[in-house]
C-alpha atoms as a PDB file:
ATOM      1  CA  MET A   1      86.122  82.401  83.421  1.00  0.00           C
ATOM      2  CA  ARG A   2      82.949  82.889  85.460  1.00  0.00           C
ATOM      3  CA  ASP A   3      81.348  86.310  85.629  1.00  0.00           C
ATOM      4  CA  VAL A   4      81.719  87.579  89.206  1.00  0.00           C
ATOM      5  CA  ALA A   5      80.347  90.822  90.610  1.00  0.00           C
ATOM      6  CA  ILE A   6      80.291  92.874  93.786  1.00  0.00           C
ATOM      7  CA  VAL A   7      76.630  92.983  94.805  1.00  0.00           C
ATOM      8  CA  SER A   8      76.890  94.906  98.081  1.00  0.00           C
ATOM      9  CA  PHE A   9      79.327  97.059 100.023  1.00  0.00           C
ATOM     10  CA  ALA A  10      79.297  98.491 103.542  1.00  0.00           C
ATOM     11  CA  GLN A  11      81.774 100.317 105.755  1.00  0.00           C
ATOM     12  CA  THR A  12      82.077 101.782 109.213  1.00  0.00           C
ATOM     13  CA  PRO A  13      83.005 105.435 109.761  1.00  0.00           C
ATOM     14  CA  SER A  14      86.770 105.911 109.819  1.00  0.00           C
ATOM     15  CA  LEU A  15      87.717 107.356 113.198  1.00  0.00           C
ATOM     16  CA  ARG A  16      90.964 108.634 114.679  1.00  0.00           C
ATOM     17  CA  ARG A  17      90.384 106.319 117.591  1.00  0.00           C
ATOM     18  CA  GLU A  18      87.583 103.819 118.052  1.00  0.00           C
ATOM     19  CA  ARG A  19      87.460 103.807 121.843  1.00  0.00           C
ATOM     20  CA  ASP A  20      84.156 102.056 122.436  1.00  0.00           C
ATOM     21  CA  LYS A  21      84.338  98.945 120.259  1.00  0.00           C
ATOM     22  CA  ASP A  22      86.715  96.067 119.723  1.00  0.00           C
ATOM     23  CA  GLU A  23      87.068  94.353 116.367  1.00  0.00           C
ATOM     24  CA  VAL A  24      84.119  91.989 116.871  1.00  0.00           C
ATOM     25  CA  GLU A  25      81.835  94.827 117.934  1.00  0.00           C
ATOM     26  CA  MET A  26      82.898  96.828 114.881  1.00  0.00           C
ATOM     27  CA  LEU A  27      82.278  93.919 112.527  1.00  0.00           C
ATOM     28  CA  ALA A  28      79.040  92.366 113.807  1.00  0.00           C
ATOM     29  CA  PRO A  29      76.615  95.095 112.652  1.00  0.00           C
ATOM     30  CA  LEU A  30      78.691  95.740 109.522  1.00  0.00           C
ATOM     31  CA  LEU A  31      78.488  92.139 108.325  1.00  0.00           C
ATOM     32  CA  GLY A  32      74.781  92.036 109.033  1.00  0.00           C
ATOM     33  CA  GLU A  33      74.351  95.204 106.964  1.00  0.00           C
ATOM     34  CA  VAL A  34      76.353  94.041 103.944  1.00  0.00           C
ATOM     35  CA  ILE A  35      74.576  90.664 103.841  1.00  0.00           C
ATOM     36  CA  GLU A  36      71.168  92.326 104.140  1.00  0.00           C
ATOM     37  CA  ARG A  37      72.024  94.747 101.332  1.00  0.00           C
ATOM     38  CA  SER A  38      72.987  91.855  99.067  1.00  0.00           C
ATOM     39  CA  GLY A  39      69.584  90.248  99.465  1.00  0.00           C
ATOM     40  CA  ILE A  40      71.331  86.878  99.736  1.00  0.00           C
ATOM     41  CA  PRO A  41      70.599  84.665 102.758  1.00  0.00           C
ATOM     42  CA  ARG A  42      73.572  84.057 105.040  1.00  0.00           C
ATOM     43  CA  LYS A  43      73.267  80.289 104.520  1.00  0.00           C
ATOM     44  CA  GLU A  44      74.038  80.715 100.800  1.00  0.00           C
ATOM     45  CA  ILE A  45      77.477  82.227 101.445  1.00  0.00           C
ATOM     46  CA  GLY A  46      79.890  79.516 100.380  1.00  0.00           C
ATOM     47  CA  PHE A  47      83.177  81.173 101.298  1.00  0.00           C
ATOM     48  CA  THR A  48      84.298  83.793 103.820  1.00  0.00           C
ATOM     49  CA  VAL A  49      87.685  85.499 103.724  1.00  0.00           C
ATOM     50  CA  SER A  50      89.128  88.364 105.742  1.00  0.00           C
ATOM     51  CA  GLY A  51      92.091  90.725 105.680  1.00  0.00           C
ATOM     52  CA  SER A  52      93.722  92.069 108.825  1.00  0.00           C
ATOM     53  CA  SER A  53      96.986  92.195 110.764  1.00  0.00           C
ATOM     54  CA  ASP A  54      97.855  90.616 114.087  1.00  0.00           C
ATOM     55  CA  TYR A  55     100.611  93.222 114.486  1.00  0.00           C
ATOM     56  CA  LEU A  56      98.033  95.974 114.820  1.00  0.00           C
ATOM     57  CA  THR A  57      96.140  94.274 117.629  1.00  0.00           C
ATOM     58  CA  GLY A  58      99.249  92.923 119.342  1.00  0.00           C
ATOM     59  CA  ARG A  59      97.912  89.400 119.756  1.00  0.00           C
ATOM     60  CA  PRO A  60      98.222  86.231 117.670  1.00  0.00           C
ATOM     61  CA  PHE A  61      95.308  84.917 115.614  1.00  0.00           C
ATOM     62  CA  SER A  62      93.200  88.034 116.132  1.00  0.00           C
ATOM     63  CA  PHE A  63      91.350  87.137 112.929  1.00  0.00           C
ATOM     64  CA  VAL A  64      90.033  83.990 114.631  1.00  0.00           C
ATOM     65  CA  ILE A  65      88.558  86.093 117.415  1.00  0.00           C
ATOM     66  CA  ALA A  66      86.967  88.352 114.778  1.00  0.00           C
ATOM     67  CA  LEU A  67      85.126  85.340 113.369  1.00  0.00           C
ATOM     68  CA  ASP A  68      82.718  85.706 116.290  1.00  0.00           C
ATOM     69  CA  ALA A  69      81.174  88.519 114.242  1.00  0.00           C
ATOM     70  CA  VAL A  70      80.438  86.120 111.374  1.00  0.00           C
ATOM     71  CA  GLY A  71      78.421  83.800 113.606  1.00  0.00           C
ATOM     72  CA  ALA A  72      78.743  80.201 114.672  1.00  0.00           C
ATOM     73  CA  TRP A  73      75.929  78.927 112.463  1.00  0.00           C
ATOM     74  CA  PRO A  74      75.753  77.853 109.733  1.00  0.00           C
ATOM     75  CA  PRO A  75      79.314  76.424 109.565  1.00  0.00           C
ATOM     76  CA  ILE A  76      81.535  78.250 107.076  1.00  0.00           C
ATOM     77  CA  GLU A  77      84.481  77.647 104.799  1.00  0.00           C
ATOM     78  CA  GLU A  78      86.912  80.375 105.856  1.00  0.00           C
ATOM     79  CA  SER A  79      90.275  81.872 104.913  1.00  0.00           C
ATOM     80  CA  HIS A  80      92.392  84.852 105.936  1.00  0.00           C
ATOM     81  CA  VAL A  81      95.150  86.985 104.422  1.00  0.00           C
ATOM     82  CA  GLU A  82      97.613  89.019 106.494  1.00  0.00           C
ATOM     83  CA  MET A  83      97.142  91.848 104.006  1.00  0.00           C
ATOM     84  CA  ASP A  84      94.664  94.479 102.972  1.00  0.00           C
ATOM     85  CA  GLY A  85      91.139  93.235 102.402  1.00  0.00           C
ATOM     86  CA  ALA A  86      91.481  93.995  98.677  1.00  0.00           C
ATOM     87  CA  PHE A  87      93.816  91.009  98.389  1.00  0.00           C
ATOM     88  CA  ALA A  88      91.289  88.928 100.329  1.00  0.00           C
ATOM     89  CA  LEU A  89      88.750  89.921  97.685  1.00  0.00           C
ATOM     90  CA  HIS A  90      91.088  88.606  95.002  1.00  0.00           C
ATOM     91  CA  GLU A  91      91.241  85.272  96.832  1.00  0.00           C
ATOM     92  CA  ALA A  92      87.445  85.181  96.987  1.00  0.00           C
ATOM     93  CA  TRP A  93      87.249  85.926  93.246  1.00  0.00           C
ATOM     94  CA  VAL A  94      89.621  83.025  92.548  1.00  0.00           C
ATOM     95  CA  ARG A  95      87.585  80.760  94.838  1.00  0.00           C
ATOM     96  CA  LEU A  96      84.395  81.607  92.952  1.00  0.00           C
ATOM     97  CA  GLN A  97      86.085  80.592  89.700  1.00  0.00           C
ATOM     98  CA  HIS A  98      86.135  76.995  90.956  1.00  0.00           C
ATOM     99  CA  GLY A  99      82.417  76.780  90.205  1.00  0.00           C
ATOM    100  CA  ASP A 100      81.190  74.880  93.267  1.00  0.00           C
ATOM    101  CA  ILE A 101      79.953  77.965  95.137  1.00  0.00           C
ATOM    102  CA  ASP A 102      78.210  81.134  93.986  1.00  0.00           C
ATOM    103  CA  VAL A 103      78.563  83.620  96.856  1.00  0.00           C
ATOM    104  CA  ALA A 104      81.483  84.882  98.967  1.00  0.00           C
ATOM    105  CA  LEU A 105      81.797  87.318 101.858  1.00  0.00           C
ATOM    106  CA  VAL A 106      84.919  89.493 102.180  1.00  0.00           C
ATOM    107  CA  TYR A 107      85.695  91.763 105.108  1.00  0.00           C
ATOM    108  CA  ALA A 108      88.622  93.677 106.554  1.00  0.00           C
ATOM    109  CA  PHE A 109      89.282  95.499 109.794  1.00  0.00           C
ATOM    110  CA  GLY A 110      92.062  97.485 111.397  1.00  0.00           C
ATOM    111  CA  LYS A 111      92.639  99.653 114.452  1.00  0.00           C
ATOM    112  CA  SER A 112      95.698 101.685 113.539  1.00  0.00           C
ATOM    113  CA  SER A 113      95.446 103.706 116.750  1.00  0.00           C
ATOM    114  CA  LEU A 114      96.648 100.833 118.922  1.00  0.00           C
ATOM    115  CA  GLY A 115     100.332 101.548 118.311  1.00  0.00           C
ATOM    116  CA  SER A 116     102.838 103.535 116.295  1.00  0.00           C
ATOM    117  CA  LEU A 117     101.908 102.444 112.798  1.00  0.00           C
ATOM    118  CA  ARG A 118     104.865 104.157 111.126  1.00  0.00           C
ATOM    119  CA  ASP A 119     107.204 102.045 113.293  1.00  0.00           C
ATOM    120  CA  VAL A 120     105.228  98.790 113.170  1.00  0.00           C
ATOM    121  CA  LEU A 121     105.434  98.798 109.361  1.00  0.00           C
ATOM    122  CA  VAL A 122     109.228  98.496 109.561  1.00  0.00           C
ATOM    123  CA  THR A 123     108.643  94.770 110.106  1.00  0.00           C
ATOM    124  CA  GLN A 124     107.698  94.491 106.413  1.00  0.00           C
ATOM    125  CA  LEU A 125     111.179  95.478 105.282  1.00  0.00           C
ATOM    126  CA  ASP A 126     114.139  93.332 104.265  1.00  0.00           C
ATOM    127  CA  PRO A 127     115.362  91.909 107.597  1.00  0.00           C
ATOM    128  CA  TYR A 128     119.065  91.904 106.667  1.00  0.00           C
ATOM    129  CA  TYR A 129     119.805  95.261 105.070  1.00  0.00           C
ATOM    130  CA  THR A 130     116.862  97.643 105.547  1.00  0.00           C
ATOM    131  CA  ALA A 131     114.944  96.819 108.729  1.00  0.00           C
ATOM    132  CA  PRO A 132     118.044  97.107 111.005  1.00  0.00           C
ATOM    133  CA  LEU A 133     118.305 100.756 109.920  1.00  0.00           C
ATOM    134  CA  TRP A 134     114.720 101.196 111.199  1.00  0.00           C
ATOM    135  CA  PRO A 135     113.464 103.632 108.551  1.00  0.00           C
ATOM    136  CA  ASP A 136     109.856 104.393 109.475  1.00  0.00           C
ATOM    137  CA  ALA A 137     107.082 104.310 106.872  1.00  0.00           C
ATOM    138  CA  ILE A 138     106.790 108.093 106.511  1.00  0.00           C
ATOM    139  CA  SER A 139     110.538 108.493 106.028  1.00  0.00           C
ATOM    140  CA  LEU A 140     110.508 105.876 103.265  1.00  0.00           C
ATOM    141  CA  ALA A 141     107.619 107.670 101.570  1.00  0.00           C
ATOM    142  CA  ALA A 142     109.582 110.898 101.882  1.00  0.00           C
ATOM    143  CA  LEU A 143     112.504 109.297 100.042  1.00  0.00           C
ATOM    144  CA  GLN A 144     110.125 108.351  97.244  1.00  0.00           C
ATOM    145  CA  ALA A 145     108.615 111.855  97.156  1.00  0.00           C
ATOM    146  CA  ARG A 146     112.087 113.397  96.990  1.00  0.00           C
ATOM    147  CA  ALA A 147     113.014 111.141  94.061  1.00  0.00           C
ATOM    148  CA  LEU A 148     109.848 112.239  92.263  1.00  0.00           C
ATOM    149  CA  LEU A 149     110.538 115.924  92.901  1.00  0.00           C
ATOM    150  CA  ASP A 150     114.178 115.642  91.812  1.00  0.00           C
ATOM    151  CA  ALA A 151     113.080 113.921  88.604  1.00  0.00           C
ATOM    152  CA  GLY A 152     110.744 116.820  87.828  1.00  0.00           C
ATOM    153  CA  LEU A 153     107.687 114.567  87.771  1.00  0.00           C
ATOM    154  CA  CYS A 154     105.736 116.601  90.330  1.00  0.00           C
ATOM    155  CA  THR A 155     106.024 119.647  92.575  1.00  0.00           C
ATOM    156  CA  GLU A 156     105.198 120.325  96.207  1.00  0.00           C
ATOM    157  CA  ARG A 157     102.366 122.566  95.019  1.00  0.00           C
ATOM    158  CA  GLU A 158     100.880 119.705  93.011  1.00  0.00           C
ATOM    159  CA  MET A 159     101.133 117.480  96.093  1.00  0.00           C
ATOM    160  CA  ALA A 160      99.252 120.094  98.137  1.00  0.00           C
ATOM    161  CA  GLN A 161      96.618 120.407  95.423  1.00  0.00           C
ATOM    162  CA  ILE A 162      96.122 116.622  95.441  1.00  0.00           C
ATOM    163  CA  ALA A 163      95.639 116.625  99.209  1.00  0.00           C
ATOM    164  CA  ALA A 164      93.212 119.559  99.060  1.00  0.00           C
ATOM    165  CA  ARG A 165      91.190 118.007  96.234  1.00  0.00           C
ATOM    166  CA  ASN A 166      90.866 114.614  97.913  1.00  0.00           C
ATOM    167  CA  ARG A 167      89.743 116.035 101.237  1.00  0.00           C
ATOM    168  CA  ALA A 168      87.339 118.445  99.547  1.00  0.00           C
ATOM    169  CA  LYS A 169      85.721 115.518  97.740  1.00  0.00           C
ATOM    170  CA  ALA A 170      85.429 113.723 101.061  1.00  0.00           C
ATOM    171  CA  ARG A 171      82.778 116.270 102.065  1.00  0.00           C
ATOM    172  CA  GLN A 172      80.301 114.056 100.212  1.00  0.00           C
ATOM    173  CA  ASN A 173      81.457 110.951 102.101  1.00  0.00           C
ATOM    174  CA  PRO A 174      79.909 110.645 105.588  1.00  0.00           C
ATOM    175  CA  PHE A 175      82.330 107.829 106.445  1.00  0.00           C
ATOM    176  CA  ALA A 176      85.510 109.827 105.790  1.00  0.00           C
ATOM    177  CA  GLN A 177      87.675 111.026 108.649  1.00  0.00           C
ATOM    178  CA  LEU A 178      89.086 114.270 107.175  1.00  0.00           C
ATOM    179  CA  ARG A 179      86.912 116.416 104.948  1.00  0.00           C
ATOM    180  CA  GLY A 180      86.382 120.061 104.127  1.00  0.00           C
ATOM    181  CA  ASP A 181      87.987 122.909 102.212  1.00  0.00           C
ATOM    182  CA  PHE A 182      91.755 123.178 102.368  1.00  0.00           C
ATOM    183  CA  ASP A 183      93.640 126.244 101.187  1.00  0.00           C
ATOM    184  CA  VAL A 184      96.637 125.225  99.094  1.00  0.00           C
ATOM    185  CA  GLU A 185      98.704 128.243 100.126  1.00  0.00           C
ATOM    186  CA  ALA A 186      98.084 127.501 103.794  1.00  0.00           C
ATOM    187  CA  LEU A 187      99.085 123.879 103.259  1.00  0.00           C
ATOM    188  CA  LEU A 188     102.328 124.906 101.581  1.00  0.00           C
ATOM    189  CA  ALA A 189     103.112 127.252 104.480  1.00  0.00           C
ATOM    190  CA  SER A 190     102.821 124.450 107.038  1.00  0.00           C
ATOM    191  CA  PRO A 191     106.004 122.843 108.424  1.00  0.00           C
ATOM    192  CA  TYR A 192     107.481 119.625 107.091  1.00  0.00           C
ATOM    193  CA  LEU A 193     106.757 116.404 108.906  1.00  0.00           C
ATOM    194  CA  VAL A 194     109.572 114.558 107.115  1.00  0.00           C
ATOM    195  CA  SER A 195     110.870 116.652 104.223  1.00  0.00           C
ATOM    196  CA  PRO A 196     109.438 116.962 101.600  1.00  0.00           C
ATOM    197  CA  LEU A 197     106.249 115.598 103.182  1.00  0.00           C
ATOM    198  CA  ARG A 198     103.969 117.772 105.272  1.00  0.00           C
ATOM    199  CA  LYS A 199     101.154 116.490 107.447  1.00  0.00           C
ATOM    200  CA  HIS A 200      98.573 116.903 104.669  1.00  0.00           C
ATOM    201  CA  ASP A 201     100.701 114.713 102.356  1.00  0.00           C
ATOM    202  CA  CYS A 202     100.323 111.749 104.724  1.00  0.00           C
ATOM    203  CA  PRO A 203      97.361 109.514 105.550  1.00  0.00           C
ATOM    204  CA  PRO A 204      95.474 109.982 108.809  1.00  0.00           C
ATOM    205  CA  ILE A 205      95.619 107.333 111.527  1.00  0.00           C
ATOM    206  CA  SER A 206      92.256 105.600 111.217  1.00  0.00           C
ATOM    207  CA  ASP A 207      90.251 102.803 112.800  1.00  0.00           C
ATOM    208  CA  GLY A 208      87.602 101.143 110.652  1.00  0.00           C
ATOM    209  CA  ALA A 209      86.216  98.153 108.787  1.00  0.00           C
ATOM    210  CA  ALA A 210      84.605  97.328 105.447  1.00  0.00           C
ATOM    211  CA  ALA A 211      82.887  94.371 103.789  1.00  0.00           C
ATOM    212  CA  VAL A 212      81.621  93.281 100.388  1.00  0.00           C
ATOM    213  CA  VAL A 213      79.571  90.386  99.057  1.00  0.00           C
ATOM    214  CA  LEU A 214      80.591  88.778  95.766  1.00  0.00           C
ATOM    215  CA  ALA A 215      78.274  86.653  93.660  1.00  0.00           C
ATOM    216  CA  ALA A 216      78.728  84.778  90.399  1.00  0.00           C
ATOM    217  CA  GLY A 217      76.633  84.686  87.235  1.00  0.00           C
ATOM    218  CA  ASP A 218      72.866  84.438  87.579  1.00  0.00           C
ATOM    219  CA  ARG A 219      73.084  84.587  91.382  1.00  0.00           C
ATOM    220  CA  ALA A 220      74.486  88.117  91.089  1.00  0.00           C
ATOM    221  CA  ARG A 221      71.786  89.125  88.596  1.00  0.00           C
ATOM    222  CA  LYS A 222      69.067  87.883  90.921  1.00  0.00           C
ATOM    223  CA  ALA A 223      70.575  89.639  93.918  1.00  0.00           C
ATOM    224  CA  VAL A 224      70.667  93.221  92.585  1.00  0.00           C
ATOM    225  CA  SER A 225      69.467  95.047  89.504  1.00  0.00           C
ATOM    226  CA  ARG A 226      72.891  96.389  88.545  1.00  0.00           C
ATOM    227  CA  PRO A 227      75.854  94.297  89.763  1.00  0.00           C
ATOM    228  CA  ALA A 228      79.376  95.717  89.624  1.00  0.00           C
ATOM    229  CA  TRP A 229      80.917  93.083  87.349  1.00  0.00           C
ATOM    230  CA  ILE A 230      84.619  92.422  87.787  1.00  0.00           C
ATOM    231  CA  ARG A 231      85.882  92.393  84.203  1.00  0.00           C
ATOM    232  CA  GLY A 232      89.522  92.013  85.191  1.00  0.00           C
ATOM    233  CA  ILE A 233      91.585  91.777  88.362  1.00  0.00           C
ATOM    234  CA  ASP A 234      95.289  91.183  88.904  1.00  0.00           C
ATOM    235  CA  HIS A 235      98.032  91.977  91.403  1.00  0.00           C
ATOM    236  CA  ARG A 236     101.810  92.167  91.055  1.00  0.00           C
ATOM    237  CA  ILE A 237     104.791  92.968  93.256  1.00  0.00           C
ATOM    238  CA  GLU A 238     107.971  95.020  93.030  1.00  0.00           C
ATOM    239  CA  PRO A 239     111.373  93.685  94.146  1.00  0.00           C
ATOM    240  CA  HIS A 240     111.684  93.524  97.928  1.00  0.00           C
ATOM    241  CA  SER A 241     114.879  95.577  97.998  1.00  0.00           C
ATOM    242  CA  LEU A 242     114.169  99.299  97.659  1.00  0.00           C
ATOM    243  CA  GLY A 243     117.659  99.836  96.237  1.00  0.00           C
ATOM    244  CA  VAL A 244     116.927  98.002  92.988  1.00  0.00           C
ATOM    245  CA  ARG A 245     113.649  99.832  92.291  1.00  0.00           C
ATOM    246  CA  ASP A 246     112.919 103.050  90.428  1.00  0.00           C
ATOM    247  CA  LEU A 247     110.782 104.700  93.103  1.00  0.00           C
ATOM    248  CA  CYS A 248     109.381 107.182  90.568  1.00  0.00           C
ATOM    249  CA  ARG A 249     107.557 104.448  88.676  1.00  0.00           C
ATOM    250  CA  SER A 250     105.251 101.557  89.469  1.00  0.00           C
ATOM    251  CA  PRO A 251     105.766  98.903  86.792  1.00  0.00           C
ATOM    252  CA  SER A 252     103.871  96.341  88.884  1.00  0.00           C
ATOM    253  CA  THR A 253     100.778  98.572  88.744  1.00  0.00           C
ATOM    254  CA  THR A 254     101.154  98.935  84.974  1.00  0.00           C
ATOM    255  CA  LEU A 255     101.524  95.176  84.547  1.00  0.00           C
ATOM    256  CA  ALA A 256      98.512  94.452  86.761  1.00  0.00           C
ATOM    257  CA  ALA A 257      96.504  97.051  84.841  1.00  0.00           C
ATOM    258  CA  ARG A 258      97.455  95.430  81.548  1.00  0.00           C
ATOM    259  CA  LYS A 259      96.433  91.992  82.793  1.00  0.00           C
ATOM    260  CA  ALA A 260      93.150  93.402  84.144  1.00  0.00           C
ATOM    261  CA  GLY A 261      92.317  95.129  80.868  1.00  0.00           C
ATOM    262  CA  VAL A 262      92.554  98.673  82.226  1.00  0.00           C
ATOM    263  CA  LEU A 263      95.163 100.122  79.859  1.00  0.00           C
ATOM    264  CA  GLY A 264      93.421 101.701  76.915  1.00  0.00           C
ATOM    265  CA  ALA A 265      89.982 101.247  78.472  1.00  0.00           C
ATOM    266  CA  SER A 266      87.642 104.183  78.963  1.00  0.00           C
ATOM    267  CA  VAL A 267      86.784 104.586  82.659  1.00  0.00           C
ATOM    268  CA  ASP A 268      84.576 107.094  84.466  1.00  0.00           C
ATOM    269  CA  VAL A 269      85.916 106.688  87.997  1.00  0.00           C
ATOM    270  CA  ALA A 270      89.258 105.675  89.518  1.00  0.00           C
ATOM    271  CA  GLU A 271      89.639 104.932  93.206  1.00  0.00           C
ATOM    272  CA  LEU A 272      93.392 104.962  93.846  1.00  0.00           C
ATOM    273  CA  HIS A 273      94.932 103.705  97.077  1.00  0.00           C
ATOM    274  CA  ALA A 274      97.553 106.446  97.383  1.00  0.00           C
ATOM    275  CA  PRO A 275      98.324 106.881 101.094  1.00  0.00           C
ATOM    276  CA  PHE A 276     100.738 109.734 100.288  1.00  0.00           C
ATOM    277  CA  SER A 277      99.914 112.616  97.980  1.00  0.00           C
ATOM    278  CA  HIS A 278     102.830 112.101  95.574  1.00  0.00           C
ATOM    279  CA  GLN A 279     101.820 108.464  95.035  1.00  0.00           C
ATOM    280  CA  GLU A 280      98.700 109.569  93.209  1.00  0.00           C
ATOM    281  CA  VAL A 281     100.978 111.035  90.520  1.00  0.00           C
ATOM    282  CA  ILE A 282     102.823 107.719  90.179  1.00  0.00           C
ATOM    283  CA  LEU A 283      99.578 105.746  89.964  1.00  0.00           C
ATOM    284  CA  ARG A 284      97.974 108.088  87.442  1.00  0.00           C
ATOM    285  CA  ASN A 285     100.992 107.608  85.197  1.00  0.00           C
ATOM    286  CA  ALA A 286     101.119 103.845  85.746  1.00  0.00           C
ATOM    287  CA  LEU A 287      97.424 103.439  84.883  1.00  0.00           C
ATOM    288  CA  ASP A 288      97.550 105.980  82.031  1.00  0.00           C
ATOM    289  CA  LEU A 289      94.468 107.771  83.331  1.00  0.00           C
ATOM    290  CA  GLY A 290      93.140 110.601  81.202  1.00  0.00           C
ATOM    291  CA  PRO A 291      92.116 114.073  82.412  1.00  0.00           C
ATOM    292  CA  ASN A 292      88.390 113.233  82.335  1.00  0.00           C
ATOM    293  CA  VAL A 293      88.617 110.428  84.897  1.00  0.00           C
ATOM    294  CA  ASP A 294      87.093 111.297  88.277  1.00  0.00           C
ATOM    295  CA  ILE A 295      89.857 110.309  90.704  1.00  0.00           C
ATOM    296  CA  ASN A 296      88.958 109.394  94.280  1.00  0.00           C
ATOM    297  CA  PRO A 297      85.412 110.781  94.456  1.00  0.00           C
ATOM    298  CA  SER A 298      85.251 109.297  97.965  1.00  0.00           C
ATOM    299  CA  GLY A 299      88.240 111.323  99.163  1.00  0.00           C
ATOM    300  CA  GLY A 300      90.652 108.412  98.965  1.00  0.00           C
ATOM    301  CA  ALA A 301      93.264 107.322 101.480  1.00  0.00           C
ATOM    302  CA  LEU A 302      94.229 110.909 102.314  1.00  0.00           C
ATOM    303  CA  ALA A 303      90.777 111.367 103.875  1.00  0.00           C
ATOM    304  CA  ALA A 304      90.566 107.998 105.672  1.00  0.00           C
ATOM    305  CA  HIS A 305      93.139 105.229 105.950  1.00  0.00           C
ATOM    306  CA  PRO A 306      92.258 102.329 108.254  1.00  0.00           C
ATOM    307  CA  MET A 307      95.184  99.950 107.880  1.00  0.00           C
ATOM    308  CA  MET A 308      94.273  96.674 106.119  1.00  0.00           C
ATOM    309  CA  VAL A 309      90.947  98.230 105.056  1.00  0.00           C
ATOM    310  CA  ALA A 310      91.805 101.214 102.836  1.00  0.00           C
ATOM    311  CA  GLY A 311      92.400  99.082  99.714  1.00  0.00           C
ATOM    312  CA  LEU A 312      89.104  97.237 100.101  1.00  0.00           C
ATOM    313  CA  LEU A 313      87.455 100.631 100.553  1.00  0.00           C
ATOM    314  CA  ARG A 314      88.755 101.635  97.131  1.00  0.00           C
ATOM    315  CA  LEU A 315      87.134  98.581  95.514  1.00  0.00           C
ATOM    316  CA  GLY A 316      83.935  99.064  97.477  1.00  0.00           C
ATOM    317  CA  GLU A 317      83.682 102.781  96.716  1.00  0.00           C
ATOM    318  CA  ALA A 318      84.267 102.154  93.007  1.00  0.00           C
ATOM    319  CA  ALA A 319      81.706  99.334  92.996  1.00  0.00           C
ATOM    320  CA  SER A 320      79.119 101.461  94.812  1.00  0.00           C
ATOM    321  CA  ARG A 321      79.162 103.985  91.980  1.00  0.00           C
ATOM    322  CA  ILE A 322      78.362 101.243  89.502  1.00  0.00           C
ATOM    323  CA  LEU A 323      75.728  99.658  91.743  1.00  0.00           C
ATOM    324  CA  ASP A 324      73.783 102.919  92.001  1.00  0.00           C
ATOM    325  CA  GLY A 325      74.327 103.974  88.385  1.00  0.00           C
ATOM    326  CA  ARG A 326      76.700 106.900  88.946  1.00  0.00           C
ATOM    327  CA  ALA A 327      79.389 105.249  86.791  1.00  0.00           C
ATOM    328  CA  LYS A 328      79.465 102.823  83.887  1.00  0.00           C
ATOM    329  CA  ARG A 329      83.032 101.622  84.307  1.00  0.00           C
ATOM    330  CA  ALA A 330      85.477 102.081  87.174  1.00  0.00           C
ATOM    331  CA  VAL A 331      89.002 101.079  88.075  1.00  0.00           C
ATOM    332  CA  ALA A 332      90.074 100.426  91.651  1.00  0.00           C
ATOM    333  CA  HIS A 333      93.619 100.113  92.959  1.00  0.00           C
ATOM    334  CA  ALA A 334      94.991  98.795  96.247  1.00  0.00           C
ATOM    335  CA  THR A 335      98.525  98.698  97.564  1.00  0.00           C
ATOM    336  CA  SER A 336     100.485  97.125 100.385  1.00  0.00           C
ATOM    337  CA  GLY A 337     104.053  97.475 101.561  1.00  0.00           C
ATOM    338  CA  PRO A 338     106.511 100.401 101.383  1.00  0.00           C
ATOM    339  CA  CYS A 339     106.548 102.799  98.438  1.00  0.00           C
ATOM    340  CA  LEU A 340     103.800 101.019  96.466  1.00  0.00           C
ATOM    341  CA  GLN A 341     105.511  97.648  96.696  1.00  0.00           C
ATOM    342  CA  GLN A 342     102.484  95.404  96.019  1.00  0.00           C
ATOM    343  CA  ASN A 343      99.679  96.576  93.753  1.00  0.00           C
ATOM    344  CA  LEU A 344      96.265  95.236  92.819  1.00  0.00           C
ATOM    345  CA  VAL A 345      94.158  96.615  89.959  1.00  0.00           C
ATOM    346  CA  CYS A 346      90.510  95.805  89.329  1.00  0.00           C
ATOM    347  CA  LEU A 347      88.284  96.854  86.419  1.00  0.00           C
ATOM    348  CA  MET A 348      84.526  96.875  87.053  1.00  0.00           C
ATOM    349  CA  GLU A 349      81.513  97.821  84.971  1.00  0.00           C
ATOM    350  CA  GLY A 350      77.740  97.582  84.972  1.00  0.00           C
ATOM    351  CA  ASP A 351      75.717  95.672  82.448  1.00  0.00           C
ATOM    352  CA  PRO A 352      75.851  97.286  78.998  1.00  0.00           C
END
C-alpha cells in the first residue's frame, strides 16, 4: 500500500444560515486556500472528489454546479459521492493507491438551512416499513438514546456533561457555531425537545464547507514538513432495518476500527462524529478509547454540524493537530445515516 497523507485542511465558518453566498461562492475561496496551504500547484492535482447532497439544495446535479469553484482549467478527473465528504476522502485514498497520480483534492459542502433537515433525512430510511411512518431524524435518535438509558449505559446528566464539554472546547475553534460555557444544571432543567433529548443533545443546523489535499509518498514529504499520514482507514455499515440492530452498540465502528488499526493503539486525539450527545458514549465504547484521549478538541458535531461536511471536518481537525505538532497520533470518525448506521474510522500519525 502507498503511504498517503493529508497535507492541508481548510474550512469555512459554520453558520446557522449562510444568507450571502451560494455553494460556489462558499467553495471558491476555500479551495484556493487549501491548495495554497498544501504548497502543491493546482495543475498537479490528479483527482478531485466531492461530497454533498442534492436533497439539501433541492435541485439535481448540484455538485456539477459546484465544480465552477474548482475552475475550468486545467481539465480534471472528477468524482462525487452523495454522502459526507469523509467518504469522498476514502475514495480519494483508494484512487491514490492506483499509483498513477500523487495528489488529490477532496471537498464537501452543505447548506442545512434550506429546508427541514430532520424531515429530509427520512428519505434515507427503508422505503417499505420505516419511511412510511415518517419518523424524523431527532425522533430516531431519541429512540436510540432511550435504549441506552434503559440499558444503564449512560445517564441524562452524562449526556448534558458531554454537550457542555464539547461546546466549551469549541471556544478555541473560531469556525465553530456554538461555543462558550454551559452550566450542566441549567441544561438538565431545560425542556425536552423529543424525550429524552433536549436541545443541547442535538446538533445545530449549520451551513458550511471544508476541503483537504491528499498527497502520496515523497510528494507529501516535499509539500509539508509534517504530513498527517493515514496509517489505516476503513468504513462499514449496519443493517438497513433498525429493528434488527442493537442501537446501544456500533459493531460497524468496532470492525472499521479493527481494520484501520485503531483498537489497541495509543492515540492522543479523537475527533468523533457524534451528532447527538449519547452517541459519543457509543463511539467511545466501540473504539475502546481510554480516559487520557482528548475527545473532540474542536468542539465536535455538537458545536457545528454542516450536513455532508461534519465528518470531513472530523478528519481535517484531527489531521490539523498532527500537521502543527499538537498530536502524534489521532483517530477520526465519521458517520452517515440514522443512529450511526454507516461509520468510517481513520488512524493518522506524524512521522516518528
